[in-house]
């Protein structure tokens, strides 16, 4: 599934569905003026949270949106973009793998990755993304 953004209007779509900031603003009010990308600012945080709220559970979105902001949203061009939603799943999958490695070596500050895996809205998430289960 493609995620695309239009720089001139700061609009973002997952497939044909426009992503609106309303729900993400209720969770964390980073940027009441809307989305942005191409940097680590407040608009990028709001976009990362909004995307994850559309693709995962609220609990998972709040937990992982900063990783997605830093590793995906901030690296987008300050222009129109199109990316595969799999990029987001890959970032979360790598972070979960790192958390699992931390757990095996020492106590992790993050909850066990298995807790997040079971909280995914599997039908809707798998429809949008191919979850990297082979790496887990």
C-alpha atoms as a PDB file:
ATOM      1  CA  UNK A   1       0.000   0.000   0.000  1.00  0.00           C
ATOM      2  CA  UNK A   2       1.330   3.412  -0.926  1.00  0.00           C
ATOM      3  CA  UNK A   3       1.518   6.398   1.366  1.00  0.00           C
ATOM      4  CA  UNK A   4       1.771   9.682  -0.474  1.00  0.00           C
ATOM      5  CA  UNK A   5       2.052  13.284   0.524  1.00  0.00           C
ATOM      6  CA  UNK A   6       1.507  16.584  -1.274  1.00  0.00           C
ATOM      7  CA  UNK A   7       3.964  19.200  -0.019  1.00  0.00           C
ATOM      8  CA  UNK A   8       2.009  22.271  -1.179  1.00  0.00           C
ATOM      9  CA  UNK A   9      -1.040  21.369   0.932  1.00  0.00           C
ATOM     10  CA  UNK A  10       0.623  19.118   3.556  1.00  0.00           C
ATOM     11  CA  UNK A  11      -1.990  16.441   2.791  1.00  0.00           C
ATOM     12  CA  UNK A  12      -1.209  12.728   3.161  1.00  0.00           C
ATOM     13  CA  UNK A  13      -3.059   9.633   1.928  1.00  0.00           C
ATOM     14  CA  UNK A  14      -2.793   5.928   2.646  1.00  0.00           C
ATOM     15  CA  UNK A  15      -4.024   4.435  -0.595  1.00  0.00           C
ATOM     16  CA  UNK A  16      -7.018   6.583  -1.498  1.00  0.00           C
ATOM     17  CA  UNK A  17      -7.911   7.488   2.114  1.00  0.00           C
ATOM     18  CA  UNK A  18      -6.785  10.907   3.302  1.00  0.00           C
ATOM     19  CA  UNK A  19      -5.059  10.861   6.680  1.00  0.00           C
ATOM     20  CA  UNK A  20      -6.434  13.638   8.869  1.00  0.00           C
ATOM     21  CA  UNK A  21      -4.749  14.893  12.048  1.00  0.00           C
ATOM     22  CA  UNK A  22      -7.871  14.884  14.262  1.00  0.00           C
ATOM     23  CA  UNK A  23      -7.423  11.507  15.991  1.00  0.00           C
ATOM     24  CA  UNK A  24      -3.679  11.947  16.408  1.00  0.00           C
ATOM     25  CA  UNK A  25      -4.202  15.403  17.932  1.00  0.00           C
ATOM     26  CA  UNK A  26      -6.461  13.838  20.559  1.00  0.00           C
ATOM     27  CA  UNK A  27      -3.700  11.380  21.456  1.00  0.00           C
ATOM     28  CA  UNK A  28      -0.771  13.837  21.428  1.00  0.00           C
ATOM     29  CA  UNK A  29      -1.124  17.467  20.391  1.00  0.00           C
ATOM     30  CA  UNK A  30       2.246  18.120  18.778  1.00  0.00           C
ATOM     31  CA  UNK A  31       1.187  20.253  15.823  1.00  0.00           C
ATOM     32  CA  UNK A  32      -2.298  21.758  15.719  1.00  0.00           C
ATOM     33  CA  UNK A  33      -1.380  23.333  12.372  1.00  0.00           C
ATOM     34  CA  UNK A  34      -1.053  19.916  10.723  1.00  0.00           C
ATOM     35  CA  UNK A  35       1.483  17.595   9.183  1.00  0.00           C
ATOM     36  CA  UNK A  36       4.971  18.127   7.872  1.00  0.00           C
ATOM     37  CA  UNK A  37       7.903  15.931   6.842  1.00  0.00           C
ATOM     38  CA  UNK A  38      11.560  16.144   5.915  1.00  0.00           C
ATOM     39  CA  UNK A  39      12.727  17.122   9.425  1.00  0.00           C
ATOM     40  CA  UNK A  40      12.338  16.061  13.072  1.00  0.00           C
ATOM     41  CA  UNK A  41       9.860  18.782  14.012  1.00  0.00           C
ATOM     42  CA  UNK A  42       6.402  18.767  15.539  1.00  0.00           C
ATOM     43  CA  UNK A  43       4.586  18.330  12.215  1.00  0.00           C
ATOM     44  CA  UNK A  44       6.649  15.203  11.524  1.00  0.00           C
ATOM     45  CA  UNK A  45       5.742  13.790  14.932  1.00  0.00           C
ATOM     46  CA  UNK A  46       2.054  14.433  14.258  1.00  0.00           C
ATOM     47  CA  UNK A  47       2.267  12.716  10.875  1.00  0.00           C
ATOM     48  CA  UNK A  48       4.088   9.670  12.252  1.00  0.00           C
ATOM     49  CA  UNK A  49       1.482   9.279  14.986  1.00  0.00           C
ATOM     50  CA  UNK A  50      -1.420   9.738  12.558  1.00  0.00           C
ATOM     51  CA  UNK A  51      -0.021   7.123  10.158  1.00  0.00           C
ATOM     52  CA  UNK A  52       0.481   4.582  12.921  1.00  0.00           C
ATOM     53  CA  UNK A  53      -3.001   5.228  14.291  1.00  0.00           C
ATOM     54  CA  UNK A  54      -4.346   4.304  10.848  1.00  0.00           C
ATOM     55  CA  UNK A  55      -2.142   1.212  10.483  1.00  0.00           C
ATOM     56  CA  UNK A  56      -1.941  -0.216  14.028  1.00  0.00           C
ATOM     57  CA  UNK A  57      -3.567   0.015  17.436  1.00  0.00           C
ATOM     58  CA  UNK A  58      -3.535   3.214  19.486  1.00  0.00           C
ATOM     59  CA  UNK A  59      -1.224   1.596  22.048  1.00  0.00           C
ATOM     60  CA  UNK A  60       1.267   0.553  19.402  1.00  0.00           C
ATOM     61  CA  UNK A  61       1.058   3.930  17.645  1.00  0.00           C
ATOM     62  CA  UNK A  62       1.868   5.890  20.806  1.00  0.00           C
ATOM     63  CA  UNK A  63       4.757   3.555  21.579  1.00  0.00           C
ATOM     64  CA  UNK A  64       6.428   3.558  18.138  1.00  0.00           C
ATOM     65  CA  UNK A  65       5.617   6.886  16.482  1.00  0.00           C
ATOM     66  CA  UNK A  66       8.855   8.599  17.519  1.00  0.00           C
ATOM     67  CA  UNK A  67      10.920   5.797  15.955  1.00  0.00           C
ATOM     68  CA  UNK A  68       8.900   6.180  12.760  1.00  0.00           C
ATOM     69  CA  UNK A  69       9.294   9.968  12.919  1.00  0.00           C
ATOM     70  CA  UNK A  70      13.084   9.803  13.213  1.00  0.00           C
ATOM     71  CA  UNK A  71      13.731   6.908  10.827  1.00  0.00           C
ATOM     72  CA  UNK A  72      11.091   7.523   8.148  1.00  0.00           C
ATOM     73  CA  UNK A  73       9.226  10.838   8.244  1.00  0.00           C
ATOM     74  CA  UNK A  74      12.268  13.033   8.917  1.00  0.00           C
ATOM     75  CA  UNK A  75      14.106  11.445   5.973  1.00  0.00           C
ATOM     76  CA  UNK A  76      11.383  12.155   3.427  1.00  0.00           C
ATOM     77  CA  UNK A  77      12.102  14.979   0.966  1.00  0.00           C
ATOM     78  CA  UNK A  78      10.590  18.375   1.631  1.00  0.00           C
ATOM     79  CA  UNK A  79       8.501  17.829  -1.466  1.00  0.00           C
ATOM     80  CA  UNK A  80       5.749  15.521  -2.687  1.00  0.00           C
ATOM     81  CA  UNK A  81       6.499  11.911  -1.784  1.00  0.00           C
ATOM     82  CA  UNK A  82       5.304   8.375  -2.344  1.00  0.00           C
ATOM     83  CA  UNK A  83       6.501   5.488  -0.201  1.00  0.00           C
ATOM     84  CA  UNK A  84       5.462   1.932   0.455  1.00  0.00           C
ATOM     85  CA  UNK A  85       3.844   1.420   3.866  1.00  0.00           C
ATOM     86  CA  UNK A  86       6.183  -1.553   4.285  1.00  0.00           C
ATOM     87  CA  UNK A  87       8.923   0.954   5.161  1.00  0.00           C
ATOM     88  CA  UNK A  88       7.096   1.709   8.413  1.00  0.00           C
ATOM     89  CA  UNK A  89       6.633  -1.981   9.205  1.00  0.00           C
ATOM     90  CA  UNK A  90      10.352  -2.555   8.591  1.00  0.00           C
ATOM     91  CA  UNK A  91      11.352   0.221  11.017  1.00  0.00           C
ATOM     92  CA  UNK A  92       9.120  -1.211  13.736  1.00  0.00           C
ATOM     93  CA  UNK A  93      10.316  -4.735  12.987  1.00  0.00           C
ATOM     94  CA  UNK A  94      13.982  -3.689  13.318  1.00  0.00           C
ATOM     95  CA  UNK A  95      13.251  -1.810  16.537  1.00  0.00           C
ATOM     96  CA  UNK A  96      11.416  -4.827  17.923  1.00  0.00           C
ATOM     97  CA  UNK A  97      14.363  -7.036  16.999  1.00  0.00           C
ATOM     98  CA  UNK A  98      16.727  -4.650  18.783  1.00  0.00           C
ATOM     99  CA  UNK A  99      14.436  -4.644  21.822  1.00  0.00           C
ATOM    100  CA  UNK A 100      14.397  -8.444  21.792  1.00  0.00           C
ATOM    101  CA  UNK A 101      18.209  -8.493  21.671  1.00  0.00           C
ATOM    102  CA  UNK A 102      18.320  -6.043  24.594  1.00  0.00           C
ATOM    103  CA  UNK A 103      15.937  -8.255  26.575  1.00  0.00           C
ATOM    104  CA  UNK A 104      18.093 -11.307  26.122  1.00  0.00           C
ATOM    105  CA  UNK A 105      21.186  -9.411  27.320  1.00  0.00           C
ATOM    106  CA  UNK A 106      19.684  -7.185  29.980  1.00  0.00           C
ATOM    107  CA  UNK A 107      16.413  -5.741  31.220  1.00  0.00           C
ATOM    108  CA  UNK A 108      14.794  -3.594  28.574  1.00  0.00           C
ATOM    109  CA  UNK A 109      12.914  -0.408  29.408  1.00  0.00           C
ATOM    110  CA  UNK A 110      10.401  -1.168  26.655  1.00  0.00           C
ATOM    111  CA  UNK A 111       7.702  -3.789  27.085  1.00  0.00           C
ATOM    112  CA  UNK A 112       8.481  -7.156  25.474  1.00  0.00           C
ATOM    113  CA  UNK A 113       7.970  -7.112  21.685  1.00  0.00           C
ATOM    114  CA  UNK A 114       5.577 -10.039  21.937  1.00  0.00           C
ATOM    115  CA  UNK A 115       3.169  -7.761  23.806  1.00  0.00           C
ATOM    116  CA  UNK A 116       3.058  -5.392  20.823  1.00  0.00           C
ATOM    117  CA  UNK A 117       2.732  -8.143  18.267  1.00  0.00           C
ATOM    118  CA  UNK A 118      -0.399  -9.476  19.915  1.00  0.00           C
ATOM    119  CA  UNK A 119      -1.933  -5.995  20.058  1.00  0.00           C
ATOM    120  CA  UNK A 120      -1.893  -5.431  16.293  1.00  0.00           C
ATOM    121  CA  UNK A 121      -5.218  -5.211  14.495  1.00  0.00           C
ATOM    122  CA  UNK A 122      -4.069  -8.102  12.366  1.00  0.00           C
ATOM    123  CA  UNK A 123      -6.694  -7.965   9.621  1.00  0.00           C
ATOM    124  CA  UNK A 124      -6.451  -4.241   8.939  1.00  0.00           C
ATOM    125  CA  UNK A 125      -2.704  -4.066   9.489  1.00  0.00           C
ATOM    126  CA  UNK A 126      -1.958  -7.007   7.199  1.00  0.00           C
ATOM    127  CA  UNK A 127      -4.245  -5.498   4.584  1.00  0.00           C
ATOM    128  CA  UNK A 128      -2.081  -2.355   4.628  1.00  0.00           C
ATOM    129  CA  UNK A 129       1.289  -3.921   5.332  1.00  0.00           C
ATOM    130  CA  UNK A 130       3.061  -7.207   5.036  1.00  0.00           C
ATOM    131  CA  UNK A 131       4.154  -7.591   8.660  1.00  0.00           C
ATOM    132  CA  UNK A 132       7.743  -8.894   8.910  1.00  0.00           C
ATOM    133  CA  UNK A 133       6.821 -12.004  10.932  1.00  0.00           C
ATOM    134  CA  UNK A 134       9.672 -14.025   9.485  1.00  0.00           C
ATOM    135  CA  UNK A 135      12.139 -11.813  11.312  1.00  0.00           C
ATOM    136  CA  UNK A 136      10.440 -12.087  14.683  1.00  0.00           C
END
